[in-house]
Each structure stands twice: as C-alpha cells, then as structure tokens.
Amino acid sequence: MFNSIVTLMRGRSHDAAQALADANALSILRQQLRDAATGVEAARRAVAVVMAYAERERKSLPRIAAQLTELEGRALAALSLGREDLAVEASAAIAQLEAERATTETALVTYETEISRLRDEVSGAETRLRDLQRGLQLADAAQKSQSVRGVASRPLTASLAEAEATLVRLQSRQFHAEATAAAVVELSAGQSAEAVSARLAAAGCGPALKPDAAAVLARLKGKAA
C-alpha cells in the first residue's frame, strides 16, 4: 500500500511538471532559439579564429623560402672559399628552416581541413536555426489565432507538436557535439602515434622524419662539386 502511495505521488508530480512545460511550450521554444542563436554566433567566431591562424601560417611560407634560398647561396659561397666551418653552421640553420617549413605546411593542411569542416557545421546550424525560427513564428501565430477564436485544443496541440519537433532537432545537435568530441579524442590518439614514430626515428629505427644538418651539408657539397 505504501509503495502504491509513493508511486501515485511521483506520478502526480510528473504530471504537474509536464503540464507546466506544456503550458509554457512557446516560452521554452523562444529560449531554446536564443540559446541556439548564441551557439551559432560562437561557431562563426571559431571559424574566423581558425582562418586567422591559417593565414598566419600561409604568410610564413614565403619568408622561410626566401631565407632558405639566401642561406644555401651563402653556404655554397663558403664552400667555394674553403670555409667549411661556415658551411656547417649554415647547414644547421638550413636544416632547422626546412623542418619549420615542413611543420608549417602540415599545420596549414590541418587548418584548411578544420576550416572546411567548421564551415559545413556552421552552415548546417544556420539552416536549422532558420527552420526553428519559422517554426516559432508559426507557433506564435497559432497561439494568437487561438486567443482570437477562443478555441483551446487544436492550436495548443499544434504548438506542442512544434515544441516537440524542436526538442528532437536540438537533441540531434547535442548528439553531433558528442560525436565531434569523440573525433577529437581519436585525433589526439593519432598524434600520440606520431610522437612514437618520431622517437623511433630519432633512435635510428627507420628513415629520419626531419632533415638534419649533416644531410644538408652533404647535399651542398654535391652541388659545389
């Protein structure tokens, strides 16, 4: 008997909460739309930030190329004068610049991929937001029409259906956010694998991943010869 009473109380509490939500469906929907609009604006800013990073990397490539050209010319001149000590120093600087260029090119590809993904995501979010705003306008018009006609049942049902559909779409967006977070974890795992490969290469297991000064010097000597 006691369990039945507790179950009844829980049922009535749930019914009261549901009735309150149903009675304020339009207000809830408006707030959901405000939250969604804020999220879309934040996503736009995120795209702009990533684009700025990519542009910075893109502009650094010509600078690196110019430095490499100058250093190689000077290193060849040093070799022709018999100043191998200066050629060794230049070779170390060239190797460092070549590594920087490779890192910059990799970062640029990563940024461009991320920009494309974020743009698609923002575009989809903007489309969904416009659809939600149209749904809000329809629900608002239905509620006003209900007040004018004095009929409660059918317009209210239409508003609730719009609110339920909105909740389904918002839940779908949350699922997409969780999938994105899982993808970030997967990407981090890939980066860990790259770090292991780098350590193995440094230990002499397999070919080197980055150019070194000795290799550059050998190449320059070949050019000088």
Protein backbone atom coordinates (compact mmCIF):
# COMPACT_ATOMS: atom_id res chain seq x y z
CA MET A 1 0.00 0.00 0.00
CA PHE A 2 2.78 2.39 0.93
CA ASN A 3 4.55 1.72 -2.38
CA SER A 4 1.34 2.47 -4.25
CA ILE A 5 1.02 5.82 -2.47
CA VAL A 6 4.64 6.72 -3.28
CA THR A 7 4.09 5.76 -6.92
CA LEU A 8 0.92 7.86 -7.05
CA MET A 9 2.73 10.89 -5.62
CA ARG A 10 5.55 10.51 -8.12
CA GLY A 11 3.04 10.17 -10.94
CA ARG A 12 1.18 13.32 -9.91
CA SER A 13 4.47 15.25 -9.57
CA HIS A 14 5.48 14.18 -13.06
CA ASP A 15 2.07 15.10 -14.46
CA ALA A 16 2.25 18.55 -12.83
CA ALA A 17 5.73 19.19 -14.24
CA GLN A 18 4.65 18.04 -17.69
CA ALA A 19 1.54 20.22 -17.56
CA LEU A 20 3.68 23.23 -16.61
CA ALA A 21 6.06 22.56 -19.52
CA ASP A 22 3.14 22.14 -21.93
CA ALA A 23 1.52 25.35 -20.77
CA ASN A 24 4.76 27.27 -21.36
CA ALA A 25 5.87 25.48 -24.54
CA LEU A 26 6.13 28.70 -26.56
CA SER A 27 8.30 30.45 -23.96
CA ILE A 28 10.54 27.40 -23.73
CA LEU A 29 10.86 27.34 -27.51
CA ARG A 30 11.83 31.04 -27.61
CA GLN A 31 14.58 30.48 -25.06
CA GLN A 32 15.84 27.45 -26.95
CA LEU A 33 16.09 29.58 -30.07
CA ARG A 34 18.01 32.30 -28.21
CA ASP A 35 20.45 29.67 -26.94
CA ALA A 36 20.81 28.17 -30.41
CA ALA A 37 21.48 31.60 -31.97
CA THR A 38 24.19 32.24 -29.37
CA GLY A 39 25.79 28.90 -30.23
CA VAL A 40 25.74 29.65 -33.97
CA GLU A 41 27.41 33.02 -33.39
CA ALA A 42 30.11 31.38 -31.26
CA ALA A 43 30.72 28.86 -34.05
CA ARG A 44 31.12 31.69 -36.57
CA ARG A 45 33.75 33.28 -34.34
CA ALA A 46 35.56 29.96 -34.04
CA VAL A 47 35.77 29.68 -37.82
CA ALA A 48 37.16 33.21 -38.04
CA VAL A 49 39.85 32.40 -35.45
CA VAL A 50 40.96 29.25 -37.28
CA MET A 51 41.04 31.15 -40.57
CA ALA A 52 43.31 33.77 -38.98
CA TYR A 53 45.69 31.04 -37.77
CA ALA A 54 45.78 29.50 -41.25
CA GLU A 55 46.52 32.86 -42.85
CA ARG A 56 49.42 33.42 -40.45
CA GLU A 57 50.93 30.05 -41.39
CA ARG A 58 50.36 30.72 -45.09
CA LYS A 59 52.22 34.04 -44.92
CA SER A 60 55.21 32.47 -43.17
CA LEU A 61 55.97 30.11 -46.08
CA PRO A 62 57.39 32.80 -48.45
CA ARG A 63 59.59 34.12 -45.63
CA ILE A 64 61.00 30.64 -44.98
CA ALA A 65 61.58 30.05 -48.70
CA ALA A 66 63.48 33.34 -49.02
CA GLN A 67 65.67 32.53 -46.02
CA LEU A 68 66.45 29.07 -47.39
CA THR A 69 67.46 30.49 -50.76
CA GLU A 70 69.74 33.06 -49.18
CA LEU A 71 71.38 30.61 -46.78
CA GLU A 72 72.00 27.99 -49.47
CA GLY A 73 73.67 30.61 -51.66
CA ARG A 74 75.88 31.76 -48.83
CA ALA A 75 76.74 28.20 -47.82
CA LEU A 76 77.82 27.39 -51.38
CA ALA A 77 79.94 30.53 -51.41
CA ALA A 78 81.56 29.48 -48.11
CA LEU A 79 82.40 26.06 -49.54
CA SER A 80 83.93 27.65 -52.63
CA LEU A 81 86.17 29.71 -50.33
CA GLY A 82 87.16 26.66 -48.32
CA ARG A 83 85.27 27.83 -45.21
CA GLU A 84 83.65 24.53 -44.32
CA ASP A 85 83.12 25.76 -40.76
CA LEU A 86 80.78 28.45 -42.02
CA ALA A 87 79.13 25.96 -44.38
CA VAL A 88 78.45 23.64 -41.43
CA GLU A 89 76.86 26.48 -39.49
CA ALA A 90 74.74 27.43 -42.49
CA SER A 91 73.73 23.79 -42.99
CA ALA A 92 72.40 23.57 -39.43
CA ALA A 93 70.34 26.71 -39.98
CA ILE A 94 69.05 25.34 -43.30
CA ALA A 95 68.01 22.07 -41.67
CA GLN A 96 66.12 23.98 -39.00
CA LEU A 97 64.35 26.10 -41.60
CA GLU A 98 63.41 23.05 -43.65
CA ALA A 99 61.92 21.43 -40.56
CA GLU A 100 60.00 24.64 -39.84
CA ARG A 101 58.71 24.69 -43.42
CA ALA A 102 57.51 21.07 -43.16
CA THR A 103 55.76 21.81 -39.86
CA THR A 104 54.13 24.92 -41.30
CA GLU A 105 52.88 23.07 -44.37
CA THR A 106 51.41 20.31 -42.19
CA ALA A 107 49.72 22.86 -39.92
CA LEU A 108 48.29 24.67 -42.93
CA VAL A 109 46.72 21.48 -44.29
CA THR A 110 45.25 20.77 -40.85
CA TYR A 111 43.82 24.28 -40.56
CA GLU A 112 42.28 24.15 -44.03
CA THR A 113 40.63 20.81 -43.27
CA GLU A 114 39.27 22.16 -39.99
CA ILE A 115 38.01 25.34 -41.67
CA SER A 116 36.10 23.27 -44.25
CA ARG A 117 34.56 21.12 -41.52
CA LEU A 118 33.60 24.10 -39.36
CA ARG A 119 32.09 25.95 -42.30
CA ASP A 120 29.89 22.96 -43.13
CA GLU A 121 28.85 22.68 -39.50
CA VAL A 122 28.02 26.39 -39.21
CA SER A 123 26.11 26.34 -42.49
CA GLY A 124 24.03 23.40 -41.28
CA ALA A 125 23.42 25.08 -37.93
CA GLU A 126 22.31 28.30 -39.62
CA THR A 127 19.84 26.37 -41.78
CA ARG A 128 18.45 24.58 -38.74
CA LEU A 129 18.17 27.87 -36.86
CA ARG A 130 16.19 29.48 -39.70
CA ASP A 131 13.85 26.48 -39.73
CA LEU A 132 13.38 26.77 -35.98
CA GLN A 133 12.63 30.48 -36.26
CA ARG A 134 9.98 29.78 -38.89
CA GLY A 135 8.50 27.15 -36.60
CA LEU A 136 8.42 29.68 -33.76
CA GLN A 137 6.62 32.20 -35.95
CA LEU A 138 4.04 29.58 -36.92
CA ALA A 139 3.56 28.51 -33.30
CA ASP A 140 3.23 32.14 -32.20
CA ALA A 141 0.69 32.84 -34.94
CA ALA A 142 -1.26 29.72 -33.95
CA GLN A 143 -1.37 30.84 -30.33
CA LYS A 144 -2.59 34.31 -31.27
CA SER A 145 -5.19 32.82 -33.57
CA GLN A 146 -6.31 30.59 -30.71
CA SER A 147 -6.82 33.61 -28.48
CA VAL A 148 -8.88 35.34 -31.15
CA ARG A 149 -11.09 32.32 -31.87
CA GLY A 150 -11.36 31.23 -28.27
CA VAL A 151 -10.61 27.62 -29.22
CA ALA A 152 -8.06 25.91 -26.99
CA SER A 153 -7.49 22.35 -28.13
CA ARG A 154 -6.28 22.21 -31.74
CA PRO A 155 -3.96 25.29 -31.78
CA LEU A 156 -2.42 24.20 -28.49
CA THR A 157 -1.78 20.73 -29.89
CA ALA A 158 -0.11 22.29 -32.94
CA SER A 159 2.14 24.40 -30.67
CA LEU A 160 3.11 21.38 -28.61
CA ALA A 161 3.92 19.43 -31.76
CA GLU A 162 6.20 22.26 -32.91
CA ALA A 163 7.90 22.29 -29.49
CA GLU A 164 8.39 18.51 -29.53
CA ALA A 165 9.88 18.67 -33.02
CA THR A 166 12.22 21.41 -31.83
CA LEU A 167 13.40 19.28 -28.93
CA VAL A 168 14.13 16.38 -31.29
CA ARG A 169 16.26 18.62 -33.53
CA LEU A 170 18.13 20.08 -30.57
CA GLN A 171 18.84 16.60 -29.19
CA SER A 172 20.21 15.63 -32.60
CA ARG A 173 22.57 18.61 -32.45
CA GLN A 174 23.76 17.56 -29.00
CA PHE A 175 24.48 14.07 -30.37
CA HIS A 176 26.56 15.68 -33.13
CA ALA A 177 28.55 17.60 -30.50
CA GLU A 178 29.28 14.34 -28.65
CA ALA A 179 30.42 12.72 -31.90
CA THR A 180 32.73 15.71 -32.53
CA ALA A 181 34.26 15.32 -29.06
CA ALA A 182 34.87 11.62 -29.78
CA ALA A 183 36.59 12.58 -33.03
CA VAL A 184 38.88 14.96 -31.10
CA VAL A 185 39.86 12.08 -28.80
CA GLU A 186 40.60 9.93 -31.83
CA LEU A 187 42.72 12.72 -33.34
CA SER A 188 44.69 13.01 -30.10
CA ALA A 189 45.41 9.28 -30.25
CA GLY A 190 46.74 9.71 -33.79
CA GLN A 191 49.02 12.50 -32.63
CA SER A 192 50.37 10.20 -29.90
CA ALA A 193 51.19 7.65 -32.59
CA GLU A 194 53.07 10.35 -34.49
CA ALA A 195 55.10 11.15 -31.36
CA VAL A 196 56.06 7.45 -31.01
CA SER A 197 57.13 7.37 -34.67
CA ALA A 198 59.30 10.45 -34.07
CA ARG A 199 61.02 8.83 -31.09
CA LEU A 200 61.64 5.63 -33.07
CA ALA A 201 63.10 7.63 -35.97
CA ALA A 202 65.37 9.53 -33.58
CA ALA A 203 66.63 6.20 -32.24
CA GLY A 204 67.59 5.09 -35.75
CA CYS A 205 64.61 2.81 -36.31
CA GLY A 206 63.68 3.52 -39.90
CA PRO A 207 64.30 6.62 -42.05
CA ALA A 208 64.60 10.08 -40.45
CA LEU A 209 61.43 12.18 -40.32
CA LYS A 210 63.18 15.57 -40.47
CA PRO A 211 66.23 16.79 -42.41
CA ASP A 212 69.45 17.14 -40.41
CA ALA A 213 72.49 19.35 -40.79
CA ALA A 214 74.75 16.50 -41.97
CA ALA A 215 72.40 15.59 -44.80
CA VAL A 216 72.13 19.22 -45.86
CA LEU A 217 75.91 19.66 -45.81
CA ALA A 218 76.38 16.55 -47.94
CA ARG A 219 73.84 17.86 -50.41
CA LEU A 220 75.55 21.25 -50.59
CA LYS A 221 78.92 19.63 -51.15
CA GLY A 222 77.39 17.70 -54.00
CA LYS A 223 76.15 20.97 -55.53
CA ALA A 224 79.51 22.63 -55.01
CA ALA A 225 81.31 19.76 -56.73
